[in-house]
Amino acid sequence: MDNPADQARPQLIFDGDCGFCTTSASWIARRLHRPQGLDAELAPSQFTDLGALGTTQERAEREVLWVATDKTLYGGADAVAQWLRFRGGPYGVAGRVMGLPAVKQLAGLVYRLVAANRQRLPGGTPACALPPSGPHPTDPGRKPL
């Protein structure tokens, strides 16, 4: 019999430098614990090989990322919807509803609003603020997302 620890698990990658993100990911993970099967792995972006996943630290600072077991990458509200779908049951239904066109737009808007204000939310600190858009001060050639 295969060892369950050897089975592929999806990952939720979050900004580990942000208190609000860390607290939120942990809080949601406790509620989305799967009674059967493996849970998603929580991974701070600072300890993840983002290049191997085809993404950047800048993206991981701006939105939570979901890495499906087939390595498909989802970001922001789509990542949350995938996590809900992975959990299954009523949560899975909510995740599928979040994929409906009008709901998807609304979920994306709410996600961006929360992300833009995460330093003001419970657990947030000034360090949680999103990096400013525009040229990076230490690398003028780097473009904003």
C-alpha atoms as a PDB file:
ATOM      1  CA  MET A   1       0.000   0.000   0.000  1.00  0.00           C
ATOM      2  CA  ASP A   2       1.267   3.469  -0.853  1.00  0.00           C
ATOM      3  CA  ASN A   3       2.262   5.812   1.932  1.00  0.00           C
ATOM      4  CA  PRO A   4      -0.259   8.710   2.033  1.00  0.00           C
ATOM      5  CA  ALA A   5       2.640  11.100   2.651  1.00  0.00           C
ATOM      6  CA  ASP A   6       3.985  10.172  -0.804  1.00  0.00           C
ATOM      7  CA  GLN A   7       0.778  11.212  -2.559  1.00  0.00           C
ATOM      8  CA  ALA A   8       0.753  14.538  -4.387  1.00  0.00           C
ATOM      9  CA  ARG A   9      -0.946  17.315  -2.490  1.00  0.00           C
ATOM     10  CA  PRO A  10      -1.967  20.697  -3.810  1.00  0.00           C
ATOM     11  CA  GLN A  11      -0.245  23.704  -2.290  1.00  0.00           C
ATOM     12  CA  LEU A  12      -1.560  27.033  -1.148  1.00  0.00           C
ATOM     13  CA  ILE A  13       1.263  29.559  -1.396  1.00  0.00           C
ATOM     14  CA  PHE A  14       0.855  32.780   0.567  1.00  0.00           C
ATOM     15  CA  ASP A  15       2.957  35.788   1.562  1.00  0.00           C
ATOM     16  CA  GLY A  16       4.628  34.543   4.733  1.00  0.00           C
ATOM     17  CA  ASP A  17       5.884  38.052   5.553  1.00  0.00           C
ATOM     18  CA  CYS A  18       2.304  39.289   5.892  1.00  0.00           C
ATOM     19  CA  GLY A  19       0.676  38.654   9.265  1.00  0.00           C
ATOM     20  CA  PHE A  20      -2.818  38.948   7.806  1.00  0.00           C
ATOM     21  CA  CYS A  21      -2.020  36.434   5.035  1.00  0.00           C
ATOM     22  CA  THR A  22      -0.402  33.965   7.412  1.00  0.00           C
ATOM     23  CA  THR A  23      -3.239  34.193   9.932  1.00  0.00           C
ATOM     24  CA  SER A  24      -5.911  33.942   7.228  1.00  0.00           C
ATOM     25  CA  ALA A  25      -4.321  30.933   5.503  1.00  0.00           C
ATOM     26  CA  SER A  26      -3.974  29.077   8.818  1.00  0.00           C
ATOM     27  CA  TRP A  27      -7.505  29.954   9.922  1.00  0.00           C
ATOM     28  CA  ILE A  28      -9.037  28.827   6.626  1.00  0.00           C
ATOM     29  CA  ALA A  29      -6.907  25.647   6.568  1.00  0.00           C
ATOM     30  CA  ARG A  30      -8.359  24.586   9.928  1.00  0.00           C
ATOM     31  CA  ARG A  31     -11.881  25.009   8.576  1.00  0.00           C
ATOM     32  CA  LEU A  32     -11.112  23.245   5.294  1.00  0.00           C
ATOM     33  CA  HIS A  33      -9.522  20.228   6.960  1.00  0.00           C
ATOM     34  CA  ARG A  34     -10.568  17.141   5.009  1.00  0.00           C
ATOM     35  CA  PRO A  35     -11.900  14.334   7.222  1.00  0.00           C
ATOM     36  CA  GLN A  36     -10.876  11.863   4.488  1.00  0.00           C
ATOM     37  CA  GLY A  37      -7.699  12.230   2.458  1.00  0.00           C
ATOM     38  CA  LEU A  38      -4.867  14.679   2.565  1.00  0.00           C
ATOM     39  CA  ASP A  39      -5.172  18.390   3.205  1.00  0.00           C
ATOM     40  CA  ALA A  40      -3.566  21.015   1.029  1.00  0.00           C
ATOM     41  CA  GLU A  41      -0.056  22.016   2.021  1.00  0.00           C
ATOM     42  CA  LEU A  42       0.381  25.606   3.202  1.00  0.00           C
ATOM     43  CA  ALA A  43       3.635  27.106   1.956  1.00  0.00           C
ATOM     44  CA  PRO A  44       5.006  30.611   2.529  1.00  0.00           C
ATOM     45  CA  SER A  45       6.164  32.022  -0.797  1.00  0.00           C
ATOM     46  CA  GLN A  46       9.520  32.901   0.752  1.00  0.00           C
ATOM     47  CA  PHE A  47      10.292  29.176   1.148  1.00  0.00           C
ATOM     48  CA  THR A  48       8.928  28.026  -2.207  1.00  0.00           C
ATOM     49  CA  ASP A  49      10.763  27.638  -5.522  1.00  0.00           C
ATOM     50  CA  LEU A  50       8.401  29.921  -7.405  1.00  0.00           C
ATOM     51  CA  GLY A  51      10.498  29.853 -10.574  1.00  0.00           C
ATOM     52  CA  ALA A  52      10.005  26.092 -10.811  1.00  0.00           C
ATOM     53  CA  LEU A  53       6.258  26.751 -10.738  1.00  0.00           C
ATOM     54  CA  GLY A  54       6.502  29.327 -13.519  1.00  0.00           C
ATOM     55  CA  THR A  55       5.741  32.349 -11.370  1.00  0.00           C
ATOM     56  CA  THR A  56       7.478  35.134  -9.474  1.00  0.00           C
ATOM     57  CA  GLN A  57       7.868  36.431  -5.945  1.00  0.00           C
ATOM     58  CA  GLU A  58       6.168  39.661  -7.083  1.00  0.00           C
ATOM     59  CA  ARG A  59       3.045  37.717  -8.018  1.00  0.00           C
ATOM     60  CA  ALA A  60       3.132  35.779  -4.763  1.00  0.00           C
ATOM     61  CA  GLU A  61       3.291  39.072  -2.838  1.00  0.00           C
ATOM     62  CA  ARG A  62       0.139  40.303  -4.579  1.00  0.00           C
ATOM     63  CA  GLU A  63      -2.061  37.203  -4.472  1.00  0.00           C
ATOM     64  CA  VAL A  64      -2.382  33.796  -2.878  1.00  0.00           C
ATOM     65  CA  LEU A  65      -1.476  30.971  -5.264  1.00  0.00           C
ATOM     66  CA  TRP A  66      -2.957  27.486  -5.581  1.00  0.00           C
ATOM     67  CA  VAL A  67      -0.788  24.816  -7.176  1.00  0.00           C
ATOM     68  CA  ALA A  68      -2.989  21.901  -8.212  1.00  0.00           C
ATOM     69  CA  THR A  69      -1.611  18.361  -8.151  1.00  0.00           C
ATOM     70  CA  ASP A  70      -1.150  18.587 -11.939  1.00  0.00           C
ATOM     71  CA  LYS A  71       0.928  21.774 -11.338  1.00  0.00           C
ATOM     72  CA  THR A  72      -1.733  24.101 -12.787  1.00  0.00           C
ATOM     73  CA  LEU A  73      -1.353  27.479 -11.076  1.00  0.00           C
ATOM     74  CA  TYR A  74      -4.289  29.641  -9.959  1.00  0.00           C
ATOM     75  CA  GLY A  75      -4.120  33.044  -8.291  1.00  0.00           C
ATOM     76  CA  GLY A  76      -6.264  35.278  -6.100  1.00  0.00           C
ATOM     77  CA  ALA A  77      -9.968  34.472  -5.909  1.00  0.00           C
ATOM     78  CA  ASP A  78      -9.474  31.597  -8.379  1.00  0.00           C
ATOM     79  CA  ALA A  79      -6.982  30.051  -5.931  1.00  0.00           C
ATOM     80  CA  VAL A  80      -9.516  30.297  -3.105  1.00  0.00           C
ATOM     81  CA  ALA A  81     -12.200  28.738  -5.323  1.00  0.00           C
ATOM     82  CA  GLN A  82      -9.866  25.844  -6.158  1.00  0.00           C
ATOM     83  CA  TRP A  83      -9.126  25.279  -2.461  1.00  0.00           C
ATOM     84  CA  LEU A  84     -12.859  25.134  -1.719  1.00  0.00           C
ATOM     85  CA  ARG A  85     -13.398  22.704  -4.592  1.00  0.00           C
ATOM     86  CA  PHE A  86     -10.544  20.519  -3.345  1.00  0.00           C
ATOM     87  CA  ARG A  87     -12.136  20.401   0.116  1.00  0.00           C
ATOM     88  CA  GLY A  88     -15.375  19.137  -1.359  1.00  0.00           C
ATOM     89  CA  GLY A  89     -18.838  18.885   0.155  1.00  0.00           C
ATOM     90  CA  PRO A  90     -20.645  22.204   0.635  1.00  0.00           C
ATOM     91  CA  TYR A  91     -17.291  23.992   0.328  1.00  0.00           C
ATOM     92  CA  GLY A  92     -16.818  22.387  -3.075  1.00  0.00           C
ATOM     93  CA  VAL A  93     -20.206  23.673  -4.181  1.00  0.00           C
ATOM     94  CA  ALA A  94     -19.186  27.179  -3.064  1.00  0.00           C
ATOM     95  CA  GLY A  95     -15.948  26.837  -5.037  1.00  0.00           C
ATOM     96  CA  ARG A  96     -17.844  25.831  -8.170  1.00  0.00           C
ATOM     97  CA  VAL A  97     -20.270  28.739  -7.717  1.00  0.00           C
ATOM     98  CA  MET A  98     -17.249  31.070  -7.507  1.00  0.00           C
ATOM     99  CA  GLY A  99     -16.388  29.919 -11.033  1.00  0.00           C
ATOM    100  CA  LEU A 100     -19.658  31.206 -12.503  1.00  0.00           C
ATOM    101  CA  PRO A 101     -18.985  34.308 -14.635  1.00  0.00           C
ATOM    102  CA  ALA A 102     -20.801  36.975 -12.587  1.00  0.00           C
ATOM    103  CA  VAL A 103     -19.746  35.467  -9.254  1.00  0.00           C
ATOM    104  CA  LYS A 104     -16.163  35.107 -10.489  1.00  0.00           C
ATOM    105  CA  GLN A 105     -16.020  38.828 -11.316  1.00  0.00           C
ATOM    106  CA  LEU A 106     -17.439  39.757  -7.915  1.00  0.00           C
ATOM    107  CA  ALA A 107     -15.102  37.360  -6.088  1.00  0.00           C
ATOM    108  CA  GLY A 108     -12.132  38.839  -7.956  1.00  0.00           C
ATOM    109  CA  LEU A 109     -13.192  42.360  -7.019  1.00  0.00           C
ATOM    110  CA  VAL A 110     -13.617  41.435  -3.339  1.00  0.00           C
ATOM    111  CA  TYR A 111     -10.285  39.598  -3.337  1.00  0.00           C
ATOM    112  CA  ARG A 112      -8.449  42.603  -4.829  1.00  0.00           C
ATOM    113  CA  LEU A 113     -10.132  44.932  -2.322  1.00  0.00           C
ATOM    114  CA  VAL A 114      -9.039  42.763   0.620  1.00  0.00           C
ATOM    115  CA  ALA A 115      -5.513  42.368  -0.795  1.00  0.00           C
ATOM    116  CA  ALA A 116      -5.143  46.114  -1.317  1.00  0.00           C
ATOM    117  CA  ASN A 117      -6.125  46.766   2.308  1.00  0.00           C
ATOM    118  CA  ARG A 118      -4.574  43.774   4.092  1.00  0.00           C
ATOM    119  CA  GLN A 119      -2.322  45.987   6.204  1.00  0.00           C
ATOM    120  CA  ARG A 120      -5.495  47.530   7.727  1.00  0.00           C
ATOM    121  CA  LEU A 121      -7.209  44.219   8.519  1.00  0.00           C
ATOM    122  CA  PRO A 122      -6.914  42.162  11.743  1.00  0.00           C
ATOM    123  CA  GLY A 123      -3.407  40.740  12.029  1.00  0.00           C
ATOM    124  CA  GLY A 124      -2.129  43.151   9.386  1.00  0.00           C
ATOM    125  CA  THR A 125       0.842  45.424   9.904  1.00  0.00           C
ATOM    126  CA  PRO A 126       2.459  48.079   7.712  1.00  0.00           C
ATOM    127  CA  ALA A 127       4.735  45.284   6.403  1.00  0.00           C
ATOM    128  CA  CYS A 128       1.619  43.625   4.928  1.00  0.00           C
ATOM    129  CA  ALA A 129       0.987  46.458   2.462  1.00  0.00           C
ATOM    130  CA  LEU A 130       1.224  45.473  -1.169  1.00  0.00           C
ATOM    131  CA  PRO A 131       4.314  46.733  -2.933  1.00  0.00           C
ATOM    132  CA  PRO A 132       3.602  49.946  -4.839  1.00  0.00           C
ATOM    133  CA  SER A 133       2.948  49.541  -8.523  1.00  0.00           C
ATOM    134  CA  GLY A 134       5.301  51.231 -10.930  1.00  0.00           C
ATOM    135  CA  PRO A 135       9.021  50.888 -11.412  1.00  0.00           C
ATOM    136  CA  HIS A 136      10.821  49.093  -8.614  1.00  0.00           C
ATOM    137  CA  PRO A 137      13.072  51.574  -6.723  1.00  0.00           C
ATOM    138  CA  THR A 138      16.098  49.252  -6.787  1.00  0.00           C
ATOM    139  CA  ASP A 139      15.537  48.031 -10.340  1.00  0.00           C
ATOM    140  CA  PRO A 140      14.119  50.775 -12.592  1.00  0.00           C
ATOM    141  CA  GLY A 141      13.876  48.330 -15.515  1.00  0.00           C
ATOM    142  CA  ARG A 142      11.476  46.042 -13.633  1.00  0.00           C
ATOM    143  CA  LYS A 143       7.891  46.580 -14.647  1.00  0.00           C
ATOM    144  CA  PRO A 144       4.821  46.399 -12.359  1.00  0.00           C
ATOM    145  CA  LEU A 145       2.492  43.415 -12.553  1.00  0.00           C
END
